[in-house]
């Protein structure tokens, strides 16, 4: 059965604004800008007859789609949609040392060393494994034709690679900002990204 996925990143938090790494282990709230972004997305897409809402287990995703949830659309939280765990770097200020460590890790992943991770963190391969649970739900035979998914930046890049059947080391192909939208069509066999990094709704902020 054909389906359309509306995949968005959560709205801005204060840690986003400060450039602080959040990750799976930091459960932050939206700030005022993030709430405006969420309201703008709702205004632009409230006409879509969503059948289901999927979010991560972190409240910044719940808050971003809260108005859709209040409209009574069935909502499920999936830990598979949680942000990557950045381990020892979660919650740290973006110092020069942190920036160098991050840049080095990105270079490693781009070269295909996808098993690497920060201490106490997750690798792209580990995130990929937990996202497979969500993929199984998406391809189930049911009447869900429009699904709204709210998740996180790095996890979203990896999830889009999974849907588009791209190697994970190509994750940087998918830029994002807060509440950016990727629209993905499923024809019953494969997924196709039909709209990328769309922030047109932010004109309503």
N, C-alpha and C. Protein backbone atom coordinates (compact mmCIF):
# COMPACT_ATOMS: atom_id res chain seq x y z
N UNK A 1 0.84 -1.20 0.00
CA UNK A 1 0.00 0.00 0.00
C UNK A 1 0.87 1.25 0.00
N UNK A 2 0.45 2.24 -0.75
CA UNK A 2 1.21 3.48 -0.84
C UNK A 2 1.07 4.28 0.45
N UNK A 3 2.18 4.92 0.84
CA UNK A 3 2.20 5.76 2.03
C UNK A 3 3.04 7.00 1.76
N UNK A 4 2.75 8.07 2.49
CA UNK A 4 3.57 9.28 2.45
C UNK A 4 4.05 9.58 3.86
N UNK A 5 5.35 9.74 4.02
CA UNK A 5 5.95 10.05 5.31
C UNK A 5 6.36 11.51 5.33
N UNK A 6 6.00 12.20 6.38
CA UNK A 6 6.43 13.58 6.60
C UNK A 6 7.39 13.53 7.78
N UNK A 7 8.68 13.59 7.50
CA UNK A 7 9.71 13.41 8.52
C UNK A 7 10.31 14.77 8.86
N UNK A 8 10.18 15.19 10.12
CA UNK A 8 10.70 16.49 10.51
C UNK A 8 11.66 16.35 11.70
N UNK A 9 12.56 17.29 11.78
CA UNK A 9 13.40 17.42 12.96
C UNK A 9 12.64 18.25 13.99
N UNK A 10 12.92 18.04 15.25
CA UNK A 10 12.27 18.81 16.32
C UNK A 10 12.62 20.29 16.23
N UNK A 11 11.85 21.11 16.94
CA UNK A 11 12.11 22.54 17.01
C UNK A 11 13.33 22.86 17.88
N UNK A 12 13.68 24.12 17.87
CA UNK A 12 14.90 24.56 18.56
C UNK A 12 14.78 24.45 20.09
N UNK A 13 15.90 24.08 20.72
CA UNK A 13 16.05 24.11 22.17
C UNK A 13 17.15 25.11 22.51
N UNK A 14 17.26 25.43 23.78
CA UNK A 14 18.33 26.35 24.18
C UNK A 14 19.71 25.77 23.89
N UNK A 15 19.85 24.44 24.03
CA UNK A 15 21.14 23.83 23.74
C UNK A 15 21.45 23.90 22.25
N UNK A 16 20.43 23.73 21.39
CA UNK A 16 20.64 23.94 19.96
C UNK A 16 21.18 25.34 19.71
N UNK A 17 20.54 26.31 20.32
CA UNK A 17 20.90 27.71 20.11
C UNK A 17 22.34 27.98 20.52
N UNK A 18 22.78 27.30 21.58
CA UNK A 18 24.15 27.50 22.08
C UNK A 18 25.17 26.60 21.40
N UNK A 19 24.72 25.70 20.54
CA UNK A 19 25.65 24.79 19.86
C UNK A 19 26.15 23.68 20.75
N UNK A 20 25.37 23.33 21.77
CA UNK A 20 25.74 22.27 22.70
C UNK A 20 25.19 20.93 22.20
N UNK A 21 26.01 19.90 22.26
CA UNK A 21 25.58 18.56 21.83
C UNK A 21 24.51 18.05 22.80
N UNK A 22 23.37 17.59 22.26
CA UNK A 22 22.31 17.06 23.11
C UNK A 22 22.39 15.53 23.14
N UNK A 23 22.03 14.91 22.05
CA UNK A 23 22.10 13.46 22.01
C UNK A 23 20.94 12.78 22.70
N UNK A 24 21.03 11.47 22.75
CA UNK A 24 19.95 10.65 23.30
C UNK A 24 19.79 10.81 24.80
N UNK A 25 20.86 11.16 25.48
CA UNK A 25 20.83 11.21 26.93
C UNK A 25 20.48 12.56 27.52
N UNK A 26 20.15 13.54 26.68
CA UNK A 26 19.80 14.88 27.17
C UNK A 26 18.37 15.19 26.72
N UNK A 27 17.45 15.25 27.67
CA UNK A 27 16.03 15.39 27.35
C UNK A 27 15.58 16.82 27.59
N UNK A 28 15.78 17.67 26.60
CA UNK A 28 15.53 19.11 26.74
C UNK A 28 14.17 19.51 26.19
N UNK A 29 13.72 20.68 26.63
CA UNK A 29 12.46 21.27 26.16
C UNK A 29 12.73 22.22 24.99
N UNK A 30 11.70 22.45 24.19
CA UNK A 30 11.78 23.49 23.18
C UNK A 30 11.89 24.85 23.86
N UNK A 31 12.61 25.77 23.23
CA UNK A 31 12.61 27.15 23.70
C UNK A 31 11.52 27.93 22.96
N UNK A 32 11.47 29.23 23.17
CA UNK A 32 10.41 30.03 22.55
C UNK A 32 10.47 29.96 21.03
N UNK A 33 11.67 30.01 20.47
CA UNK A 33 11.81 29.88 19.02
C UNK A 33 11.30 28.52 18.55
N UNK A 34 11.65 27.47 19.28
CA UNK A 34 11.20 26.14 18.93
C UNK A 34 9.69 26.01 18.95
N UNK A 35 9.06 26.65 19.93
CA UNK A 35 7.59 26.61 20.00
C UNK A 35 6.96 27.35 18.83
N UNK A 36 7.59 28.45 18.42
CA UNK A 36 7.08 29.17 17.24
C UNK A 36 7.25 28.32 15.98
N UNK A 37 8.38 27.64 15.87
CA UNK A 37 8.61 26.76 14.72
C UNK A 37 7.57 25.64 14.68
N UNK A 38 7.28 25.06 15.83
CA UNK A 38 6.27 24.00 15.91
C UNK A 38 4.90 24.52 15.49
N UNK A 39 4.56 25.71 15.96
CA UNK A 39 3.27 26.31 15.61
C UNK A 39 3.19 26.60 14.11
N UNK A 40 4.31 27.04 13.54
CA UNK A 40 4.35 27.33 12.11
C UNK A 40 4.18 26.05 11.29
N UNK A 41 4.82 24.97 11.73
CA UNK A 41 4.66 23.70 11.02
C UNK A 41 3.21 23.23 11.10
N UNK A 42 2.61 23.36 12.25
CA UNK A 42 1.21 22.96 12.41
C UNK A 42 0.31 23.78 11.48
N UNK A 43 0.52 25.07 11.43
CA UNK A 43 -0.30 25.93 10.58
C UNK A 43 -0.20 25.52 9.12
N UNK A 44 1.01 25.15 8.69
CA UNK A 44 1.24 24.80 7.28
C UNK A 44 0.73 23.40 6.92
N UNK A 45 0.68 22.48 7.90
CA UNK A 45 0.39 21.08 7.57
C UNK A 45 -0.81 20.49 8.31
N UNK A 46 -1.57 21.32 9.00
CA UNK A 46 -2.72 20.79 9.73
C UNK A 46 -3.81 20.26 8.79
N UNK A 47 -3.75 20.65 7.52
CA UNK A 47 -4.75 20.15 6.56
C UNK A 47 -4.46 18.73 6.10
N UNK A 48 -3.25 18.21 6.37
CA UNK A 48 -2.91 16.85 5.96
C UNK A 48 -3.64 15.86 6.88
N UNK A 49 -4.36 14.89 6.32
CA UNK A 49 -5.08 13.92 7.16
C UNK A 49 -4.14 12.83 7.68
N UNK A 50 -3.33 13.18 8.66
CA UNK A 50 -2.38 12.21 9.21
C UNK A 50 -3.12 11.07 9.91
N UNK A 51 -2.67 9.86 9.61
CA UNK A 51 -3.24 8.67 10.24
C UNK A 51 -2.51 8.30 11.51
N UNK A 52 -1.22 8.58 11.56
CA UNK A 52 -0.40 8.21 12.71
C UNK A 52 0.69 9.26 12.93
N UNK A 53 1.14 9.35 14.16
CA UNK A 53 2.30 10.17 14.53
C UNK A 53 3.31 9.25 15.19
N UNK A 54 4.54 9.29 14.72
CA UNK A 54 5.66 8.60 15.36
C UNK A 54 6.63 9.65 15.87
N UNK A 55 7.09 9.50 17.11
CA UNK A 55 8.15 10.37 17.62
C UNK A 55 9.19 9.51 18.33
N UNK A 56 10.30 10.16 18.68
CA UNK A 56 11.25 9.51 19.57
C UNK A 56 10.67 9.53 20.99
N UNK A 57 11.42 9.03 21.95
CA UNK A 57 10.96 9.05 23.34
C UNK A 57 11.34 10.35 24.05
N UNK A 58 11.99 11.27 23.35
CA UNK A 58 12.48 12.51 23.96
C UNK A 58 11.47 13.63 23.77
N UNK A 59 11.28 14.42 24.82
CA UNK A 59 10.15 15.35 24.83
C UNK A 59 10.25 16.48 23.81
N UNK A 60 11.43 16.80 23.33
CA UNK A 60 11.50 17.86 22.32
C UNK A 60 10.80 17.46 21.03
N UNK A 61 10.72 16.16 20.75
CA UNK A 61 9.93 15.73 19.58
C UNK A 61 8.45 15.76 19.89
N UNK A 62 8.05 15.33 21.09
CA UNK A 62 6.63 15.36 21.47
C UNK A 62 6.11 16.79 21.40
N UNK A 63 6.89 17.72 21.94
CA UNK A 63 6.46 19.12 21.99
C UNK A 63 6.33 19.72 20.60
N UNK A 64 7.14 19.28 19.67
CA UNK A 64 7.10 19.83 18.31
C UNK A 64 5.80 19.47 17.59
N UNK A 65 5.28 18.30 17.86
CA UNK A 65 4.04 17.87 17.18
C UNK A 65 2.87 17.82 18.15
N UNK A 66 2.97 18.55 19.25
CA UNK A 66 1.97 18.48 20.31
C UNK A 66 0.57 18.85 19.82
N UNK A 67 0.47 19.84 18.94
CA UNK A 67 -0.86 20.25 18.49
C UNK A 67 -1.52 19.16 17.65
N UNK A 68 -0.73 18.44 16.87
CA UNK A 68 -1.28 17.31 16.12
C UNK A 68 -1.75 16.21 17.07
N UNK A 69 -0.98 15.98 18.13
CA UNK A 69 -1.37 14.99 19.14
C UNK A 69 -2.67 15.40 19.80
N UNK A 70 -2.79 16.69 20.13
CA UNK A 70 -4.01 17.20 20.76
C UNK A 70 -5.21 17.09 19.83
N UNK A 71 -4.97 17.04 18.53
CA UNK A 71 -6.06 16.86 17.57
C UNK A 71 -6.60 15.42 17.58
N UNK A 72 -5.94 14.55 18.34
CA UNK A 72 -6.43 13.19 18.49
C UNK A 72 -5.84 12.18 17.53
N UNK A 73 -4.78 12.56 16.82
CA UNK A 73 -4.12 11.62 15.90
C UNK A 73 -3.37 10.57 16.73
N UNK A 74 -3.54 9.28 16.44
CA UNK A 74 -2.84 8.23 17.19
C UNK A 74 -1.33 8.45 17.18
N UNK A 75 -0.71 8.33 18.36
CA UNK A 75 0.70 8.68 18.54
C UNK A 75 1.44 7.54 19.22
N UNK A 76 2.59 7.19 18.64
CA UNK A 76 3.44 6.15 19.21
C UNK A 76 4.87 6.67 19.33
N UNK A 77 5.49 6.40 20.48
CA UNK A 77 6.90 6.75 20.68
C UNK A 77 7.76 5.52 20.38
N UNK A 78 8.83 5.74 19.62
CA UNK A 78 9.76 4.66 19.30
C UNK A 78 11.17 5.07 19.74
N UNK A 79 11.78 4.25 20.57
CA UNK A 79 13.16 4.52 20.96
C UNK A 79 14.11 4.44 19.76
N UNK A 80 13.68 3.71 18.73
CA UNK A 80 14.48 3.64 17.50
C UNK A 80 14.65 4.98 16.82
N UNK A 81 13.77 5.95 17.14
CA UNK A 81 13.85 7.29 16.55
C UNK A 81 14.63 8.27 17.43
N UNK A 82 15.11 7.80 18.59
CA UNK A 82 15.90 8.68 19.46
C UNK A 82 17.15 9.18 18.75
N UNK A 83 17.64 10.32 19.21
CA UNK A 83 18.89 10.84 18.67
C UNK A 83 20.04 9.89 18.98
N UNK A 84 21.08 9.95 18.16
CA UNK A 84 22.30 9.20 18.45
C UNK A 84 22.82 9.58 19.83
N UNK A 85 23.33 8.61 20.56
CA UNK A 85 23.99 8.88 21.83
C UNK A 85 25.42 9.33 21.54
N UNK A 86 25.75 10.54 21.99
CA UNK A 86 27.08 11.11 21.77
C UNK A 86 28.02 10.87 22.94
N UNK A 87 27.56 10.08 23.91
CA UNK A 87 28.44 9.66 25.00
C UNK A 87 28.98 10.81 25.82
N UNK A 88 30.29 10.81 26.02
CA UNK A 88 30.92 11.78 26.92
C UNK A 88 30.78 13.22 26.46
N UNK A 89 30.36 13.43 25.19
CA UNK A 89 30.25 14.79 24.69
C UNK A 89 28.85 15.38 24.88
N UNK A 90 27.89 14.58 25.35
CA UNK A 90 26.54 15.10 25.51
C UNK A 90 26.49 16.16 26.61
N UNK A 91 25.86 17.28 26.27
CA UNK A 91 25.71 18.38 27.22
C UNK A 91 26.93 19.26 27.36
N UNK A 92 28.00 18.99 26.62
CA UNK A 92 29.22 19.79 26.73
C UNK A 92 29.17 21.01 25.81
N UNK A 93 29.76 22.07 26.28
CA UNK A 93 29.88 23.27 25.45
C UNK A 93 30.77 22.97 24.25
N UNK A 94 30.55 23.69 23.17
CA UNK A 94 31.27 23.45 21.93
C UNK A 94 32.64 24.14 21.95
N UNK A 95 33.55 23.57 22.72
CA UNK A 95 34.91 24.10 22.78
C UNK A 95 35.69 23.68 21.53
N UNK A 96 36.89 24.22 21.39
CA UNK A 96 37.72 23.87 20.24
C UNK A 96 38.05 22.38 20.24
N UNK A 97 38.32 21.81 21.42
CA UNK A 97 38.62 20.38 21.51
C UNK A 97 37.43 19.53 21.09
N UNK A 98 36.25 19.94 21.52
CA UNK A 98 35.02 19.20 21.15
C UNK A 98 34.81 19.28 19.64
N UNK A 99 35.02 20.46 19.07
CA UNK A 99 34.84 20.63 17.62
C UNK A 99 35.80 19.74 16.83
N UNK A 100 37.06 19.66 17.28
CA UNK A 100 38.05 18.83 16.60
C UNK A 100 37.67 17.36 16.70
N UNK A 101 37.25 16.92 17.88
CA UNK A 101 36.85 15.52 18.06
C UNK A 101 35.66 15.18 17.18
N UNK A 102 34.70 16.08 17.12
CA UNK A 102 33.51 15.88 16.30
C UNK A 102 33.88 15.80 14.82
N UNK A 103 34.69 16.75 14.36
CA UNK A 103 35.10 16.79 12.96
C UNK A 103 35.87 15.53 12.58
N UNK A 104 36.74 15.07 13.45
CA UNK A 104 37.50 13.85 13.19
C UNK A 104 36.59 12.65 13.06
N UNK A 105 35.57 12.56 13.95
CA UNK A 105 34.64 11.45 13.88
C UNK A 105 33.82 11.49 12.60
N UNK A 106 33.38 12.69 12.19
CA UNK A 106 32.63 12.81 10.94
C UNK A 106 33.48 12.32 9.76
N UNK A 107 34.75 12.68 9.75
CA UNK A 107 35.65 12.23 8.69
C UNK A 107 35.77 10.70 8.68
N UNK A 108 35.87 10.12 9.86
CA UNK A 108 35.95 8.66 9.95
C UNK A 108 34.71 8.00 9.39
N UNK A 109 33.55 8.53 9.76
CA UNK A 109 32.29 7.95 9.27
C UNK A 109 32.16 8.11 7.76
N UNK A 110 32.56 9.26 7.24
CA UNK A 110 32.48 9.49 5.80
C UNK A 110 33.38 8.53 5.03
N UNK A 111 34.47 8.12 5.66
CA UNK A 111 35.36 7.13 5.04
C UNK A 111 34.83 5.71 5.16
N UNK A 112 33.75 5.54 5.88
CA UNK A 112 33.15 4.22 6.01
C UNK A 112 33.43 3.51 7.31
N UNK A 113 34.11 4.17 8.25
CA UNK A 113 34.40 3.55 9.55
C UNK A 113 33.20 3.73 10.48
N UNK A 114 32.10 3.08 10.15
CA UNK A 114 30.81 3.33 10.78
C UNK A 114 30.65 2.62 12.12
N UNK A 115 31.64 1.84 12.50
CA UNK A 115 31.60 1.16 13.80
C UNK A 115 32.16 2.04 14.91
N UNK A 116 32.81 3.15 14.52
CA UNK A 116 33.45 4.01 15.52
C UNK A 116 32.41 4.84 16.27
N UNK A 117 32.72 5.16 17.52
CA UNK A 117 31.82 5.96 18.34
C UNK A 117 32.61 6.62 19.47
N UNK A 118 32.01 7.65 20.06
CA UNK A 118 32.60 8.27 21.22
C UNK A 118 32.37 7.39 22.45
N UNK A 119 33.21 7.55 23.45
CA UNK A 119 33.08 6.77 24.68
C UNK A 119 31.66 6.90 25.24
N UNK A 120 31.06 5.77 25.54
CA UNK A 120 29.69 5.68 26.08
C UNK A 120 28.63 6.11 25.07
N UNK A 121 29.02 6.28 23.82
CA UNK A 121 28.07 6.69 22.80
C UNK A 121 27.65 5.56 21.89
N UNK A 122 27.05 5.92 20.76
CA UNK A 122 26.59 4.95 19.76
C UNK A 122 27.30 5.20 18.44
N UNK A 123 27.46 4.16 17.68
CA UNK A 123 27.98 4.27 16.31
C UNK A 123 26.80 4.37 15.34
N UNK A 124 27.06 4.84 14.12
CA UNK A 124 26.00 4.82 13.11
C UNK A 124 25.40 3.44 12.90
N UNK A 125 26.21 2.41 12.97
CA UNK A 125 25.70 1.05 12.78
C UNK A 125 24.73 0.67 13.90
N UNK A 126 25.01 1.10 15.11
CA UNK A 126 24.11 0.79 16.23
C UNK A 126 22.79 1.55 16.11
N UNK A 127 22.85 2.79 15.68
CA UNK A 127 21.62 3.55 15.45
C UNK A 127 20.81 2.90 14.34
N UNK A 128 21.48 2.49 13.29
CA UNK A 128 20.84 1.81 12.16
C UNK A 128 20.06 0.58 12.64
N UNK A 129 20.65 -0.18 13.53
CA UNK A 129 20.00 -1.40 14.00
C UNK A 129 18.70 -1.11 14.74
N UNK A 130 18.69 -0.07 15.56
CA UNK A 130 17.46 0.22 16.29
C UNK A 130 16.41 0.91 15.41
N UNK A 131 16.85 1.52 14.32
CA UNK A 131 15.89 2.13 13.41
C UNK A 131 15.15 1.10 12.56
N UNK A 132 15.70 -0.09 12.45
CA UNK A 132 15.05 -1.14 11.66
C UNK A 132 13.67 -1.49 12.22
N UNK A 133 13.50 -1.38 13.54
CA UNK A 133 12.19 -1.63 14.15
C UNK A 133 11.13 -0.69 13.58
N UNK A 134 11.51 0.58 13.42
CA UNK A 134 10.58 1.57 12.90
C UNK A 134 10.29 1.29 11.43
N UNK A 135 11.32 0.92 10.69
CA UNK A 135 11.12 0.58 9.28
C UNK A 135 10.10 -0.55 9.14
N UNK A 136 10.19 -1.55 9.99
CA UNK A 136 9.23 -2.67 9.94
C UNK A 136 7.81 -2.19 10.14
N UNK A 137 7.61 -1.22 11.02
CA UNK A 137 6.28 -0.66 11.24
C UNK A 137 5.78 0.11 10.02
N UNK A 138 6.71 0.80 9.36
CA UNK A 138 6.32 1.62 8.21
C UNK A 138 5.87 0.79 7.02
N UNK A 139 6.42 -0.40 6.87
CA UNK A 139 6.09 -1.20 5.69
C UNK A 139 4.98 -2.22 5.97
N UNK A 140 4.41 -2.19 7.18
CA UNK A 140 3.29 -3.08 7.47
C UNK A 140 2.11 -2.78 6.56
N UNK A 141 1.38 -3.83 6.21
CA UNK A 141 0.16 -3.67 5.43
C UNK A 141 -0.95 -3.15 6.34
N UNK A 142 -1.35 -1.91 6.14
CA UNK A 142 -2.44 -1.32 6.92
C UNK A 142 -3.00 -0.14 6.13
N UNK A 143 -3.91 0.57 6.75
CA UNK A 143 -4.57 1.69 6.06
C UNK A 143 -3.90 3.04 6.29
N UNK A 144 -2.73 3.04 6.92
CA UNK A 144 -2.03 4.30 7.19
C UNK A 144 -1.43 4.84 5.90
N UNK A 145 -1.94 5.96 5.42
CA UNK A 145 -1.42 6.53 4.18
C UNK A 145 -0.58 7.79 4.39
N UNK A 146 -0.81 8.49 5.50
CA UNK A 146 -0.02 9.68 5.82
C UNK A 146 0.50 9.56 7.25
N UNK A 147 1.82 9.56 7.40
CA UNK A 147 2.44 9.38 8.70
C UNK A 147 3.38 10.55 8.99
N UNK A 148 3.21 11.17 10.14
CA UNK A 148 4.07 12.27 10.58
C UNK A 148 5.10 11.70 11.56
N UNK A 149 6.37 11.94 11.26
CA UNK A 149 7.47 11.43 12.08
C UNK A 149 8.31 12.61 12.55
N UNK A 150 8.52 12.72 13.87
CA UNK A 150 9.37 13.78 14.41
C UNK A 150 10.54 13.14 15.13
N UNK A 151 11.75 13.53 14.74
CA UNK A 151 12.95 12.92 15.30
C UNK A 151 14.07 13.94 15.43
N UNK A 152 15.30 13.53 15.23
CA UNK A 152 16.48 14.34 15.55
C UNK A 152 17.45 14.39 14.38
N UNK A 153 18.33 15.40 14.39
CA UNK A 153 19.18 15.67 13.24
C UNK A 153 20.03 14.52 12.74
N UNK A 154 20.94 14.03 13.58
CA UNK A 154 21.84 12.95 13.13
C UNK A 154 21.07 11.67 12.88
N UNK A 155 20.12 11.37 13.77
CA UNK A 155 19.31 10.16 13.59
C UNK A 155 18.49 10.25 12.31
N UNK A 156 18.02 11.45 11.98
CA UNK A 156 17.23 11.62 10.76
C UNK A 156 18.09 11.37 9.53
N UNK A 157 19.32 11.85 9.54
CA UNK A 157 20.21 11.59 8.41
C UNK A 157 20.40 10.09 8.19
N UNK A 158 20.59 9.36 9.27
CA UNK A 158 20.78 7.92 9.16
C UNK A 158 19.49 7.22 8.71
N UNK A 159 18.37 7.69 9.21
CA UNK A 159 17.08 7.10 8.85
C UNK A 159 16.77 7.32 7.37
N UNK A 160 17.11 8.49 6.85
CA UNK A 160 16.89 8.75 5.43
C UNK A 160 17.78 7.87 4.56
N UNK A 161 19.00 7.62 5.01
CA UNK A 161 19.86 6.66 4.30
C UNK A 161 19.20 5.29 4.27
N UNK A 162 18.64 4.87 5.40
CA UNK A 162 17.97 3.58 5.48
C UNK A 162 16.80 3.51 4.51
N UNK A 163 15.97 4.54 4.50
CA UNK A 163 14.80 4.54 3.63
C UNK A 163 15.19 4.59 2.16
N UNK A 164 16.19 5.39 1.84
CA UNK A 164 16.60 5.57 0.45
C UNK A 164 17.56 4.48 -0.03
N UNK A 165 17.86 3.53 0.85
CA UNK A 165 18.77 2.42 0.51
C UNK A 165 20.15 2.94 0.11
N UNK A 166 20.62 3.95 0.84
CA UNK A 166 21.95 4.51 0.61
C UNK A 166 22.89 4.02 1.71
N UNK A 167 24.18 3.90 1.42
CA UNK A 167 25.13 3.55 2.48
C UNK A 167 25.15 4.64 3.55
N UNK A 168 25.33 4.25 4.78
CA UNK A 168 25.27 5.21 5.88
C UNK A 168 26.34 6.28 5.80
N UNK A 169 27.45 5.99 5.13
CA UNK A 169 28.51 7.00 5.04
C UNK A 169 28.11 8.17 4.15
N UNK A 170 26.95 8.09 3.51
CA UNK A 170 26.44 9.21 2.71
C UNK A 170 25.47 10.08 3.50
N UNK A 171 25.45 9.93 4.82
CA UNK A 171 24.48 10.65 5.65
C UNK A 171 24.55 12.16 5.52
N UNK A 172 25.72 12.70 5.17
CA UNK A 172 25.85 14.15 5.06
C UNK A 172 25.10 14.72 3.86
N UNK A 173 24.54 13.86 3.03
CA UNK A 173 23.74 14.33 1.90
C UNK A 173 22.44 14.98 2.35
N UNK A 174 22.10 14.80 3.63
CA UNK A 174 20.80 15.25 4.11
C UNK A 174 20.95 16.38 5.12
N UNK A 175 21.04 17.64 4.65
CA UNK A 175 21.16 18.78 5.56
C UNK A 175 19.86 18.97 6.34
N UNK A 176 19.94 19.68 7.43
CA UNK A 176 18.73 19.91 8.22
C UNK A 176 18.91 21.14 9.10
N UNK A 177 17.77 21.69 9.49
CA UNK A 177 17.71 22.71 10.53
C UNK A 177 16.50 22.35 11.37
N UNK A 178 16.21 23.13 12.39
CA UNK A 178 15.09 22.78 13.25
C UNK A 178 13.75 22.87 12.49
N UNK A 179 12.97 21.85 12.60
CA UNK A 179 11.67 21.61 11.94
C UNK A 179 11.77 21.46 10.42
N UNK A 180 12.96 21.22 9.89
CA UNK A 180 13.07 20.94 8.46
C UNK A 180 12.25 19.69 8.12
N UNK A 181 11.71 19.66 6.91
CA UNK A 181 10.85 18.56 6.46
C UNK A 181 11.47 17.79 5.31
N UNK A 182 11.44 16.47 5.42
CA UNK A 182 11.71 15.57 4.30
C UNK A 182 10.43 14.77 4.04
N UNK A 183 9.96 14.82 2.82
CA UNK A 183 8.74 14.10 2.45
C UNK A 183 9.15 12.87 1.64
N UNK A 184 8.66 11.72 2.05
CA UNK A 184 9.09 10.45 1.47
C UNK A 184 7.87 9.65 1.05
N UNK A 185 7.87 9.17 -0.19
CA UNK A 185 6.79 8.33 -0.72
C UNK A 185 7.20 6.86 -0.68
N UNK A 186 6.24 6.02 -0.34
CA UNK A 186 6.44 4.57 -0.34
C UNK A 186 5.40 3.96 -1.26
N UNK A 187 5.86 3.22 -2.26
CA UNK A 187 4.93 2.64 -3.25
C UNK A 187 4.57 1.20 -2.96
N UNK A 188 4.93 0.72 -1.79
CA UNK A 188 4.68 -0.66 -1.43
C UNK A 188 5.90 -1.54 -1.57
N UNK A 189 6.93 -1.01 -2.25
CA UNK A 189 8.17 -1.75 -2.44
C UNK A 189 9.40 -0.94 -2.05
N UNK A 190 9.39 0.32 -2.40
CA UNK A 190 10.57 1.15 -2.11
C UNK A 190 10.14 2.55 -1.71
N UNK A 191 11.09 3.25 -1.06
CA UNK A 191 10.87 4.63 -0.63
C UNK A 191 11.56 5.58 -1.60
N UNK A 192 10.95 6.74 -1.79
CA UNK A 192 11.54 7.79 -2.63
C UNK A 192 11.39 9.13 -1.93
N UNK A 193 12.49 9.84 -1.77
CA UNK A 193 12.45 11.18 -1.18
C UNK A 193 11.99 12.16 -2.24
N UNK A 194 10.84 12.79 -2.01
CA UNK A 194 10.25 13.68 -3.02
C UNK A 194 10.36 15.16 -2.64
N UNK A 195 10.72 15.45 -1.41
CA UNK A 195 10.93 16.84 -0.98
C UNK A 195 12.00 16.83 0.10
N UNK A 196 12.99 17.69 -0.04
CA UNK A 196 14.16 17.64 0.85
C UNK A 196 14.39 18.98 1.55
N UNK A 197 14.65 18.89 2.85
CA UNK A 197 15.09 20.05 3.63
C UNK A 197 14.18 21.25 3.42
N UNK A 198 12.88 21.01 3.47
CA UNK A 198 11.89 22.05 3.22
C UNK A 198 11.59 22.81 4.51
N UNK A 199 11.82 24.11 4.49
CA UNK A 199 11.50 24.95 5.65
C UNK A 199 10.55 26.08 5.26
N UNK A 200 9.77 25.89 4.20
CA UNK A 200 8.86 26.93 3.75
C UNK A 200 7.88 27.35 4.83
N UNK A 201 7.53 26.41 5.71
CA UNK A 201 6.56 26.71 6.77
C UNK A 201 7.06 27.76 7.75
N UNK A 202 8.36 27.95 7.81
CA UNK A 202 8.91 28.90 8.78
C UNK A 202 8.57 30.34 8.44
N UNK A 203 8.01 30.56 7.27
CA UNK A 203 7.54 31.93 6.95
C UNK A 203 6.38 32.31 7.84
N UNK A 204 5.75 31.34 8.48
CA UNK A 204 4.65 31.62 9.39
C UNK A 204 5.12 31.97 10.80
N UNK A 205 6.43 31.87 11.05
CA UNK A 205 6.94 32.19 12.40
C UNK A 205 6.79 33.68 12.72
